């Protein structure tokens, strides 16, 4: 058994409280895994995969996830301009230091994957392998506009059932196979009680991230950062129904990195939940290969 999750807190370089969440043996001979969530997401998104990796009989790992500033149990930033990838990359490094992690396999969902690419340029010694969860150097405007639409001024919900129904209304078309229990589990990760209502687990001011996003001004691809991961074992998990990373985007990444390992997750969109056994098995096998890459 991997034991239980342990929450810890540290400070960012500008004095905000950051929350980390760890499970599994420290000082293991196997590489640790550092989990980086999506834009509005929290550490809990990785609980299922973290528990599996930490409790693996053959290669138990120390797994650390985190809440960026403005999310979950980390402090909200009084300056919304600091909700940016460069600052959040610094937050990741602060949590890694506090967790005693100097070299790790990075598992980055969406924005966490972009931060992984930034760290490949800024702190290459940290990266022993990278798993990108439904993100690449070029993102689809339609997917970005959809995210912009639902993170700005999210309405509070009165009950957990209402929260679960709201998520299903938003994402049911790209996650058609989820059960009612799974929608409720998602709701309990995405909302928190506040007074007599439920609110999202992120600072609403995070919507400012999308101020400059519009179809007339698409973001430029970040291939130069993608290329910084050259020589590092690389896996891509792709939601077959993703509206942020297309099949063509996957092919373009594979052309750039022929050794890219691709896991396609059927009946899931952006971003795969990393809770099904086949995907977790592929992640575990990739981590084992990263061990061999580090210590042949």
Protein backbone atom coordinates (compact mmCIF):
# COMPACT_ATOMS: atom_id res chain seq x y z
CA UNK A 1 0.00 0.00 0.00
CA UNK A 2 1.31 3.50 -0.82
CA UNK A 3 0.13 5.07 2.43
CA UNK A 4 -1.91 8.25 2.51
CA UNK A 5 -1.55 11.66 0.92
CA UNK A 6 0.40 14.27 2.83
CA UNK A 7 -0.26 17.97 2.26
CA UNK A 8 2.61 20.42 2.74
CA UNK A 9 2.97 24.15 2.25
CA UNK A 10 5.80 26.41 1.16
CA UNK A 11 6.29 29.98 0.00
CA UNK A 12 6.62 31.34 -3.50
CA UNK A 13 9.46 33.74 -4.24
CA UNK A 14 7.01 36.63 -3.74
CA UNK A 15 5.63 35.34 -0.45
CA UNK A 16 2.42 33.48 -1.37
CA UNK A 17 1.53 30.20 0.33
CA UNK A 18 1.69 27.26 -2.10
CA UNK A 19 0.23 23.84 -1.41
CA UNK A 20 1.83 20.56 -2.39
CA UNK A 21 0.42 17.05 -2.04
CA UNK A 22 2.66 13.99 -1.78
CA UNK A 23 2.32 10.24 -1.57
CA UNK A 24 4.73 7.31 -1.80
CA UNK A 25 8.21 6.59 -0.49
CA UNK A 26 10.73 9.40 -0.37
CA UNK A 27 14.26 8.37 -1.23
CA UNK A 28 13.06 5.58 -3.50
CA UNK A 29 15.53 4.30 -6.09
CA UNK A 30 12.83 5.04 -8.68
CA UNK A 31 12.36 8.49 -10.15
CA UNK A 32 9.74 10.68 -8.48
CA UNK A 33 6.83 12.06 -10.48
CA UNK A 34 5.89 15.74 -10.35
CA UNK A 35 2.26 16.33 -11.40
CA UNK A 36 1.28 19.71 -12.82
CA UNK A 37 -2.46 20.40 -13.24
CA UNK A 38 -4.43 22.24 -15.89
CA UNK A 39 -5.31 25.92 -15.87
CA UNK A 40 -8.17 25.86 -13.36
CA UNK A 41 -7.38 22.50 -11.77
CA UNK A 42 -5.88 21.28 -8.50
CA UNK A 43 -3.70 18.56 -7.04
CA UNK A 44 -6.64 16.22 -6.53
CA UNK A 45 -6.92 15.62 -10.28
CA UNK A 46 -3.96 13.26 -9.96
CA UNK A 47 -5.10 11.28 -6.92
CA UNK A 48 -5.95 8.06 -8.79
CA UNK A 49 -2.77 7.89 -10.88
CA UNK A 50 -0.62 9.09 -7.96
CA UNK A 51 -1.95 6.35 -5.69
CA UNK A 52 -1.27 3.75 -8.39
CA UNK A 53 2.31 4.89 -9.03
CA UNK A 54 3.11 5.22 -5.33
CA UNK A 55 1.73 1.76 -4.59
CA UNK A 56 3.33 -0.09 -7.51
CA UNK A 57 4.81 -3.34 -6.15
CA UNK A 58 7.76 -3.31 -8.57
CA UNK A 59 8.65 0.37 -8.58
CA UNK A 60 6.93 2.44 -5.87
CA UNK A 61 7.42 6.15 -6.53
CA UNK A 62 7.25 9.38 -4.62
CA UNK A 63 4.53 11.39 -6.37
CA UNK A 64 4.09 15.12 -5.77
CA UNK A 65 1.29 17.27 -7.12
CA UNK A 66 0.55 20.93 -6.44
CA UNK A 67 -1.88 23.82 -6.59
CA UNK A 68 -0.58 26.84 -8.51
CA UNK A 69 -1.23 30.26 -7.01
CA UNK A 70 -4.92 31.13 -7.32
CA UNK A 71 -6.06 27.51 -7.24
CA UNK A 72 -7.09 25.03 -4.59
CA UNK A 73 -5.45 25.59 -1.22
CA UNK A 74 -2.72 27.92 -2.48
CA UNK A 75 -3.05 31.67 -1.90
CA UNK A 76 -4.85 33.77 -4.47
CA UNK A 77 -2.63 36.45 -5.97
CA UNK A 78 -3.73 40.06 -5.38
CA UNK A 79 -2.19 40.86 -8.79
CA UNK A 80 -3.99 38.83 -11.49
CA UNK A 81 -1.23 39.71 -13.96
CA UNK A 82 0.92 37.16 -12.13
CA UNK A 83 -1.34 34.34 -13.28
CA UNK A 84 1.05 33.53 -16.10
CA UNK A 85 3.18 30.57 -17.13
CA UNK A 86 6.50 32.18 -16.20
CA UNK A 87 5.44 32.94 -12.63
CA UNK A 88 3.70 29.57 -12.24
CA UNK A 89 6.87 27.81 -13.41
CA UNK A 90 8.62 29.48 -10.50
CA UNK A 91 5.89 28.17 -8.20
CA UNK A 92 6.57 24.65 -9.47
CA UNK A 93 10.26 25.00 -8.66
CA UNK A 94 9.45 26.25 -5.15
CA UNK A 95 7.23 23.24 -4.49
CA UNK A 96 9.83 20.87 -5.96
CA UNK A 97 12.50 22.24 -3.61
CA UNK A 98 10.16 21.98 -0.62
CA UNK A 99 9.40 18.36 -1.58
CA UNK A 100 13.07 17.48 -1.95
CA UNK A 101 12.65 16.78 -5.66
CA UNK A 102 15.67 17.71 -7.79
CA UNK A 103 15.01 15.44 -10.76
CA UNK A 104 11.65 14.02 -11.76
CA UNK A 105 9.30 12.79 -14.44
CA UNK A 106 6.91 15.66 -15.14
CA UNK A 107 3.26 14.79 -15.76
CA UNK A 108 1.62 17.94 -17.06
CA UNK A 109 -2.06 18.31 -17.94
CA UNK A 110 -2.82 21.09 -20.42
CA UNK A 111 -1.25 24.23 -18.86
CA UNK A 112 0.92 21.89 -16.78
CA UNK A 113 2.35 20.56 -20.04
CA UNK A 114 3.16 24.07 -21.25
CA UNK A 115 4.88 24.73 -17.92
CA UNK A 116 6.84 21.49 -18.44
CA UNK A 117 8.14 22.87 -21.75
CA UNK A 118 9.09 26.16 -20.08
CA UNK A 119 10.99 24.23 -17.40
CA UNK A 120 12.79 22.23 -20.11
CA UNK A 121 14.32 25.55 -21.16
CA UNK A 122 14.71 27.16 -17.73
CA UNK A 123 15.63 24.18 -15.53
CA UNK A 124 16.60 21.27 -17.78
CA UNK A 125 18.31 19.32 -14.98
CA UNK A 126 14.90 18.83 -13.36
CA UNK A 127 13.49 16.81 -16.27
CA UNK A 128 14.07 13.04 -16.31
CA UNK A 129 11.04 12.53 -18.57
CA UNK A 130 7.89 14.38 -19.61
CA UNK A 131 4.30 13.22 -20.04
CA UNK A 132 2.13 15.78 -21.81
CA UNK A 133 -1.57 15.28 -21.13
CA UNK A 134 -3.50 16.59 -24.15
CA UNK A 135 -1.34 19.56 -24.91
CA UNK A 136 1.27 20.48 -27.48
CA UNK A 137 3.09 23.48 -28.92
CA UNK A 138 0.12 24.41 -31.16
CA UNK A 139 -3.39 24.64 -29.70
CA UNK A 140 -6.75 24.97 -31.43
CA UNK A 141 -8.50 28.31 -31.11
CA UNK A 142 -11.90 26.63 -30.77
CA UNK A 143 -10.76 24.80 -27.66
CA UNK A 144 -9.24 27.94 -26.17
CA UNK A 145 -12.43 29.94 -26.78
CA UNK A 146 -14.44 27.19 -25.07
CA UNK A 147 -12.19 27.36 -21.99
CA UNK A 148 -12.42 31.15 -21.98
CA UNK A 149 -16.20 30.88 -22.02
CA UNK A 150 -16.56 28.67 -18.98
CA UNK A 151 -13.88 30.06 -16.65
CA UNK A 152 -15.06 33.67 -16.73
CA UNK A 153 -17.63 34.46 -14.01
CA UNK A 154 -18.63 30.86 -13.27
CA UNK A 155 -22.06 30.79 -11.60
CA UNK A 156 -22.23 29.36 -8.07
CA UNK A 157 -24.12 26.11 -7.60
CA UNK A 158 -26.51 25.36 -4.76
CA UNK A 159 -26.05 21.58 -4.47
CA UNK A 160 -23.53 18.91 -5.44
CA UNK A 161 -26.10 17.37 -7.80
CA UNK A 162 -26.46 20.73 -9.56
CA UNK A 163 -22.68 21.04 -9.83
CA UNK A 164 -22.37 17.56 -11.35
CA UNK A 165 -25.18 18.29 -13.82
CA UNK A 166 -23.50 21.56 -14.78
CA UNK A 167 -20.24 19.81 -15.57
CA UNK A 168 -22.05 17.17 -17.59
CA UNK A 169 -23.81 19.89 -19.58
CA UNK A 170 -20.45 21.49 -20.36
CA UNK A 171 -18.39 18.38 -21.07
CA UNK A 172 -20.76 15.49 -21.66
CA UNK A 173 -20.25 15.60 -25.42
CA UNK A 174 -16.50 14.94 -25.06
CA UNK A 175 -16.76 12.58 -22.08
CA UNK A 176 -19.76 10.46 -23.14
CA UNK A 177 -18.78 7.35 -21.18
CA UNK A 178 -18.58 8.85 -17.69
CA UNK A 179 -20.96 7.45 -15.09
CA UNK A 180 -23.05 9.59 -12.75
CA UNK A 181 -20.64 8.68 -9.96
CA UNK A 182 -17.70 9.90 -12.05
CA UNK A 183 -19.47 13.20 -12.79
CA UNK A 184 -20.04 13.63 -9.06
CA UNK A 185 -16.37 12.84 -8.34
CA UNK A 186 -15.42 15.51 -10.89
CA UNK A 187 -17.76 18.01 -9.22
CA UNK A 188 -16.17 17.39 -5.83
CA UNK A 189 -12.75 18.15 -7.35
CA UNK A 190 -13.96 21.25 -9.18
CA UNK A 191 -16.10 22.94 -6.50
CA UNK A 192 -15.84 23.81 -2.82
CA UNK A 193 -18.40 24.98 -0.26
CA UNK A 194 -18.50 28.70 0.44
CA UNK A 195 -21.29 29.75 2.77
CA UNK A 196 -24.47 28.14 1.49
CA UNK A 197 -23.30 27.71 -2.12
CA UNK A 198 -20.61 25.87 -4.05
CA UNK A 199 -17.96 27.85 -5.93
CA UNK A 200 -15.13 26.83 -8.22
CA UNK A 201 -11.75 25.95 -6.71
CA UNK A 202 -9.95 28.81 -8.45
CA UNK A 203 -9.74 32.59 -8.35
CA UNK A 204 -12.32 34.01 -10.82
CA UNK A 205 -9.70 36.60 -11.78
CA UNK A 206 -7.90 33.76 -13.57
CA UNK A 207 -10.15 34.65 -16.50
CA UNK A 208 -7.77 37.53 -17.26
CA UNK A 209 -5.42 34.90 -18.75
CA UNK A 210 -7.69 34.98 -21.80
CA UNK A 211 -7.98 38.74 -22.21
CA UNK A 212 -5.82 38.65 -25.34
CA UNK A 213 -7.31 35.46 -26.79
CA UNK A 214 -9.58 35.91 -29.78
CA UNK A 215 -9.88 34.26 -33.22
CA UNK A 216 -8.26 37.29 -34.85
CA UNK A 217 -5.23 36.97 -32.59
CA UNK A 218 -4.37 33.26 -32.21
CA UNK A 219 -1.46 32.33 -29.93
CA UNK A 220 1.78 31.53 -31.69
CA UNK A 221 3.00 27.90 -31.54
CA UNK A 222 5.83 27.31 -29.09
CA UNK A 223 7.89 24.80 -31.08
CA UNK A 224 11.13 26.30 -29.76
CA UNK A 225 10.13 25.26 -26.23
CA UNK A 226 8.97 21.84 -27.42
CA UNK A 227 12.41 21.34 -28.95
CA UNK A 228 14.02 22.02 -25.56
CA UNK A 229 12.79 18.57 -24.52
CA UNK A 230 15.07 16.89 -27.08
CA UNK A 231 16.89 13.99 -25.48
CA UNK A 232 14.30 13.67 -22.69
CA UNK A 233 11.91 10.68 -22.85
CA UNK A 234 8.56 12.02 -24.00
CA UNK A 235 5.00 10.68 -23.91
CA UNK A 236 1.79 12.29 -25.16
CA UNK A 237 -1.62 11.33 -23.81
CA UNK A 238 -4.28 12.47 -26.28
CA UNK A 239 -8.01 12.59 -25.77
CA UNK A 240 -9.61 11.19 -28.91
CA UNK A 241 -12.39 13.79 -28.57
CA UNK A 242 -10.10 16.69 -27.66
CA UNK A 243 -11.02 20.11 -29.06
CA UNK A 244 -7.69 21.62 -27.97
CA UNK A 245 -5.21 19.20 -29.54
CA UNK A 246 -6.20 17.78 -32.92
CA UNK A 247 -5.06 14.60 -34.63
CA UNK A 248 -3.03 16.83 -36.99
CA UNK A 249 -1.39 18.46 -33.99
CA UNK A 250 -0.40 15.02 -32.72
CA UNK A 251 1.06 14.10 -36.12
CA UNK A 252 3.06 17.33 -36.20
CA UNK A 253 4.55 16.51 -32.79
CA UNK A 254 5.39 12.98 -33.91
CA UNK A 255 7.11 14.34 -37.03
CA UNK A 256 9.23 16.56 -34.82
CA UNK A 257 9.91 13.81 -32.27
CA UNK A 258 9.76 10.35 -33.96
CA UNK A 259 10.43 8.73 -30.57
CA UNK A 260 7.31 10.34 -29.07
CA UNK A 261 5.17 7.69 -27.38
CA UNK A 262 1.47 8.34 -27.96
CA UNK A 263 -1.43 7.09 -25.85
CA UNK A 264 -4.87 7.69 -27.37
CA UNK A 265 -7.72 7.72 -24.85
CA UNK A 266 -11.04 6.82 -26.45
CA UNK A 267 -14.27 8.57 -25.39
CA UNK A 268 -12.43 11.34 -23.56
CA UNK A 269 -11.76 14.91 -24.62
CA UNK A 270 -9.72 17.68 -23.04
CA UNK A 271 -8.11 16.59 -20.89
CA UNK A 272 -8.09 12.82 -20.20
CA UNK A 273 -8.79 12.12 -16.54
CA UNK A 274 -5.85 9.72 -16.01
CA UNK A 275 -8.04 7.39 -13.96
CA UNK A 276 -8.51 4.38 -16.25
CA UNK A 277 -6.34 1.30 -15.85
CA UNK A 278 -4.99 1.14 -19.44
CA UNK A 279 -3.74 4.74 -19.35
CA UNK A 280 -2.26 4.33 -15.87
CA UNK A 281 -0.46 1.16 -17.00
CA UNK A 282 1.09 3.02 -19.93
CA UNK A 283 2.18 5.85 -17.62
CA UNK A 284 3.77 3.34 -15.21
CA UNK A 285 5.61 1.59 -18.03
CA UNK A 286 6.88 4.92 -19.37
CA UNK A 287 8.14 5.86 -15.90
CA UNK A 288 10.01 2.55 -15.72
CA UNK A 289 11.70 3.36 -19.04
CA UNK A 290 12.70 6.76 -17.68
CA UNK A 291 14.39 4.93 -14.79
CA UNK A 292 16.40 2.92 -17.32
CA UNK A 293 17.20 6.04 -19.35
CA UNK A 294 18.63 7.66 -16.23
CA UNK A 295 20.39 4.55 -14.96
CA UNK A 296 21.04 2.23 -17.93
